[in-house]
C-alpha atoms as a PDB file:
ATOM      1  CA  UNK A   1     -39.553  66.658  13.268  1.00  0.00           C
ATOM      2  CA  UNK A   2     -36.702  67.130  10.823  1.00  0.00           C
ATOM      3  CA  UNK A   3     -33.329  68.803  11.264  1.00  0.00           C
ATOM      4  CA  UNK A   4     -31.828  70.358   8.150  1.00  0.00           C
ATOM      5  CA  UNK A   5     -28.254  71.576   8.034  1.00  0.00           C
ATOM      6  CA  UNK A   6     -28.035  74.628   5.792  1.00  0.00           C
ATOM      7  CA  UNK A   7     -24.775  75.431   4.027  1.00  0.00           C
ATOM      8  CA  UNK A   8     -25.852  78.728   2.526  1.00  0.00           C
ATOM      9  CA  UNK A   9     -25.873  77.209  -0.944  1.00  0.00           C
ATOM     10  CA  UNK A  10     -28.682  76.600  -3.377  1.00  0.00           C
ATOM     11  CA  UNK A  11     -29.050  72.847  -2.794  1.00  0.00           C
ATOM     12  CA  UNK A  12     -29.651  72.991   0.950  1.00  0.00           C
ATOM     13  CA  UNK A  13     -31.868  76.079   0.597  1.00  0.00           C
ATOM     14  CA  UNK A  14     -34.096  74.362  -1.982  1.00  0.00           C
ATOM     15  CA  UNK A  15     -34.258  71.164   0.072  1.00  0.00           C
ATOM     16  CA  UNK A  16     -35.184  73.108   3.217  1.00  0.00           C
ATOM     17  CA  UNK A  17     -37.828  75.145   1.378  1.00  0.00           C
ATOM     18  CA  UNK A  18     -39.490  72.016  -0.006  1.00  0.00           C
ATOM     19  CA  UNK A  19     -39.428  70.227   3.346  1.00  0.00           C
ATOM     20  CA  UNK A  20     -40.762  73.348   5.082  1.00  0.00           C
ATOM     21  CA  UNK A  21     -43.704  73.471   2.661  1.00  0.00           C
ATOM     22  CA  UNK A  22     -44.398  69.813   3.406  1.00  0.00           C
ATOM     23  CA  UNK A  23     -44.077  69.720   7.207  1.00  0.00           C
ATOM     24  CA  UNK A  24     -44.175  73.353   8.326  1.00  0.00           C
ATOM     25  CA  UNK A  25     -43.005  74.119  11.844  1.00  0.00           C
ATOM     26  CA  UNK A  26     -41.689  70.588  12.362  1.00  0.00           C
ATOM     27  CA  UNK A  27     -38.620  71.643  10.344  1.00  0.00           C
ATOM     28  CA  UNK A  28     -35.626  72.861  12.361  1.00  0.00           C
ATOM     29  CA  UNK A  29     -32.870  74.401  10.244  1.00  0.00           C
ATOM     30  CA  UNK A  30     -29.337  75.017  11.419  1.00  0.00           C
ATOM     31  CA  UNK A  31     -26.634  77.191   9.845  1.00  0.00           C
ATOM     32  CA  UNK A  32     -23.145  76.949  11.336  1.00  0.00           C
ATOM     33  CA  UNK A  33     -20.674  79.824  11.289  1.00  0.00           C
ATOM     34  CA  UNK A  34     -17.408  77.935  11.455  1.00  0.00           C
ATOM     35  CA  UNK A  35     -15.174  81.019  11.352  1.00  0.00           C
ATOM     36  CA  UNK A  36     -14.165  80.341   7.753  1.00  0.00           C
ATOM     37  CA  UNK A  37     -16.999  82.226   6.037  1.00  0.00           C
ATOM     38  CA  UNK A  38     -16.566  85.164   3.684  1.00  0.00           C
ATOM     39  CA  UNK A  39     -16.974  88.719   4.975  1.00  0.00           C
ATOM     40  CA  UNK A  40     -20.603  89.309   6.103  1.00  0.00           C
ATOM     41  CA  UNK A  41     -21.632  85.881   4.768  1.00  0.00           C
ATOM     42  CA  UNK A  42     -23.398  84.884   7.980  1.00  0.00           C
ATOM     43  CA  UNK A  43     -25.552  88.010   7.883  1.00  0.00           C
ATOM     44  CA  UNK A  44     -26.391  87.618   4.189  1.00  0.00           C
ATOM     45  CA  UNK A  45     -27.254  83.936   4.539  1.00  0.00           C
ATOM     46  CA  UNK A  46     -29.417  84.440   7.616  1.00  0.00           C
ATOM     47  CA  UNK A  47     -31.275  87.325   5.961  1.00  0.00           C
ATOM     48  CA  UNK A  48     -31.965  85.178   2.905  1.00  0.00           C
ATOM     49  CA  UNK A  49     -33.213  82.221   4.957  1.00  0.00           C
ATOM     50  CA  UNK A  50     -35.360  84.190   7.391  1.00  0.00           C
ATOM     51  CA  UNK A  51     -36.645  87.193   5.435  1.00  0.00           C
ATOM     52  CA  UNK A  52     -36.799  85.875   1.869  1.00  0.00           C
ATOM     53  CA  UNK A  53     -37.360  82.131   2.229  1.00  0.00           C
ATOM     54  CA  UNK A  54     -39.146  82.351   5.615  1.00  0.00           C
ATOM     55  CA  UNK A  55     -37.335  79.315   6.981  1.00  0.00           C
ATOM     56  CA  UNK A  56     -37.069  78.552  10.691  1.00  0.00           C
ATOM     57  CA  UNK A  57     -33.288  78.722  11.044  1.00  0.00           C
ATOM     58  CA  UNK A  58     -30.929  78.883  14.002  1.00  0.00           C
ATOM     59  CA  UNK A  59     -27.434  80.249  13.475  1.00  0.00           C
ATOM     60  CA  UNK A  60     -24.788  78.590  15.599  1.00  0.00           C
ATOM     61  CA  UNK A  61     -21.493  80.442  15.956  1.00  0.00           C
ATOM     62  CA  UNK A  62     -18.945  77.688  16.407  1.00  0.00           C
ATOM     63  CA  UNK A  63     -16.050  79.713  15.038  1.00  0.00           C
ATOM     64  CA  UNK A  64     -14.035  79.942  18.237  1.00  0.00           C
ATOM     65  CA  UNK A  65     -14.126  76.209  18.926  1.00  0.00           C
ATOM     66  CA  UNK A  66     -13.371  75.189  15.320  1.00  0.00           C
ATOM     67  CA  UNK A  67     -10.584  77.690  14.788  1.00  0.00           C
ATOM     68  CA  UNK A  68      -9.061  76.492  18.053  1.00  0.00           C
ATOM     69  CA  UNK A  69      -9.100  72.923  16.770  1.00  0.00           C
ATOM     70  CA  UNK A  70      -7.471  73.995  13.499  1.00  0.00           C
ATOM     71  CA  UNK A  71      -4.696  75.963  15.178  1.00  0.00           C
ATOM     72  CA  UNK A  72      -1.354  74.487  14.178  1.00  0.00           C
ATOM     73  CA  UNK A  73      -2.869  71.966  11.737  1.00  0.00           C
ATOM     74  CA  UNK A  74      -1.086  72.225   8.383  1.00  0.00           C
ATOM     75  CA  UNK A  75      -1.992  68.984   6.621  1.00  0.00           C
ATOM     76  CA  UNK A  76      -4.967  69.631   4.270  1.00  0.00           C
ATOM     77  CA  UNK A  77      -6.479  66.178   4.834  1.00  0.00           C
ATOM     78  CA  UNK A  78      -6.293  66.580   8.611  1.00  0.00           C
ATOM     79  CA  UNK A  79      -7.933  70.030   8.282  1.00  0.00           C
ATOM     80  CA  UNK A  80     -10.755  68.533   6.201  1.00  0.00           C
ATOM     81  CA  UNK A  81     -11.351  65.776   8.737  1.00  0.00           C
ATOM     82  CA  UNK A  82     -11.193  68.228  11.653  1.00  0.00           C
ATOM     83  CA  UNK A  83     -13.769  70.510  10.023  1.00  0.00           C
ATOM     84  CA  UNK A  84     -16.039  67.551   9.204  1.00  0.00           C
ATOM     85  CA  UNK A  85     -15.842  66.201  12.750  1.00  0.00           C
ATOM     86  CA  UNK A  86     -16.587  69.664  14.155  1.00  0.00           C
ATOM     87  CA  UNK A  87     -19.743  69.947  12.021  1.00  0.00           C
ATOM     88  CA  UNK A  88     -20.906  66.552  13.238  1.00  0.00           C
ATOM     89  CA  UNK A  89     -20.407  67.694  16.857  1.00  0.00           C
ATOM     90  CA  UNK A  90     -22.421  70.855  16.263  1.00  0.00           C
ATOM     91  CA  UNK A  91     -25.270  68.970  14.588  1.00  0.00           C
ATOM     92  CA  UNK A  92     -25.406  66.418  17.414  1.00  0.00           C
ATOM     93  CA  UNK A  93     -25.627  69.268  19.935  1.00  0.00           C
ATOM     94  CA  UNK A  94     -28.342  70.961  17.877  1.00  0.00           C
ATOM     95  CA  UNK A  95     -30.240  67.674  17.633  1.00  0.00           C
ATOM     96  CA  UNK A  96     -30.221  67.468  21.432  1.00  0.00           C
ATOM     97  CA  UNK A  97     -31.476  71.064  21.671  1.00  0.00           C
ATOM     98  CA  UNK A  98     -34.340  70.294  19.277  1.00  0.00           C
ATOM     99  CA  UNK A  99     -35.213  67.102  21.183  1.00  0.00           C
ATOM    100  CA  UNK A 100     -35.282  69.003  24.473  1.00  0.00           C
ATOM    101  CA  UNK A 101     -37.430  71.756  22.936  1.00  0.00           C
ATOM    102  CA  UNK A 102     -39.925  69.491  21.193  1.00  0.00           C
ATOM    103  CA  UNK A 103     -39.961  66.534  23.558  1.00  0.00           C
ATOM    104  CA  UNK A 104     -39.450  64.206  20.599  1.00  0.00           C
END
């Protein structure tokens, strides 16, 4: 089983599509809405992944938690590190969900 974090960009979409063709339903894709996306971006990205690329993708809305962590943070470097750490947390949680679901 493979977990693939999707950003909504071309690189991760191509990588996920190739891996999906190779291993099929053993691919588990994850797209995180961090609260900093453009207007309707989550909907557009999920439609592209599911309906056009036919990828098995789970959307995780982590916007409330991340925006709470960013509240009051003004230093750009601290913001970058906070966002990065939040993504790592989400992916670890998703990994646990996939392990529980698949038994692997």
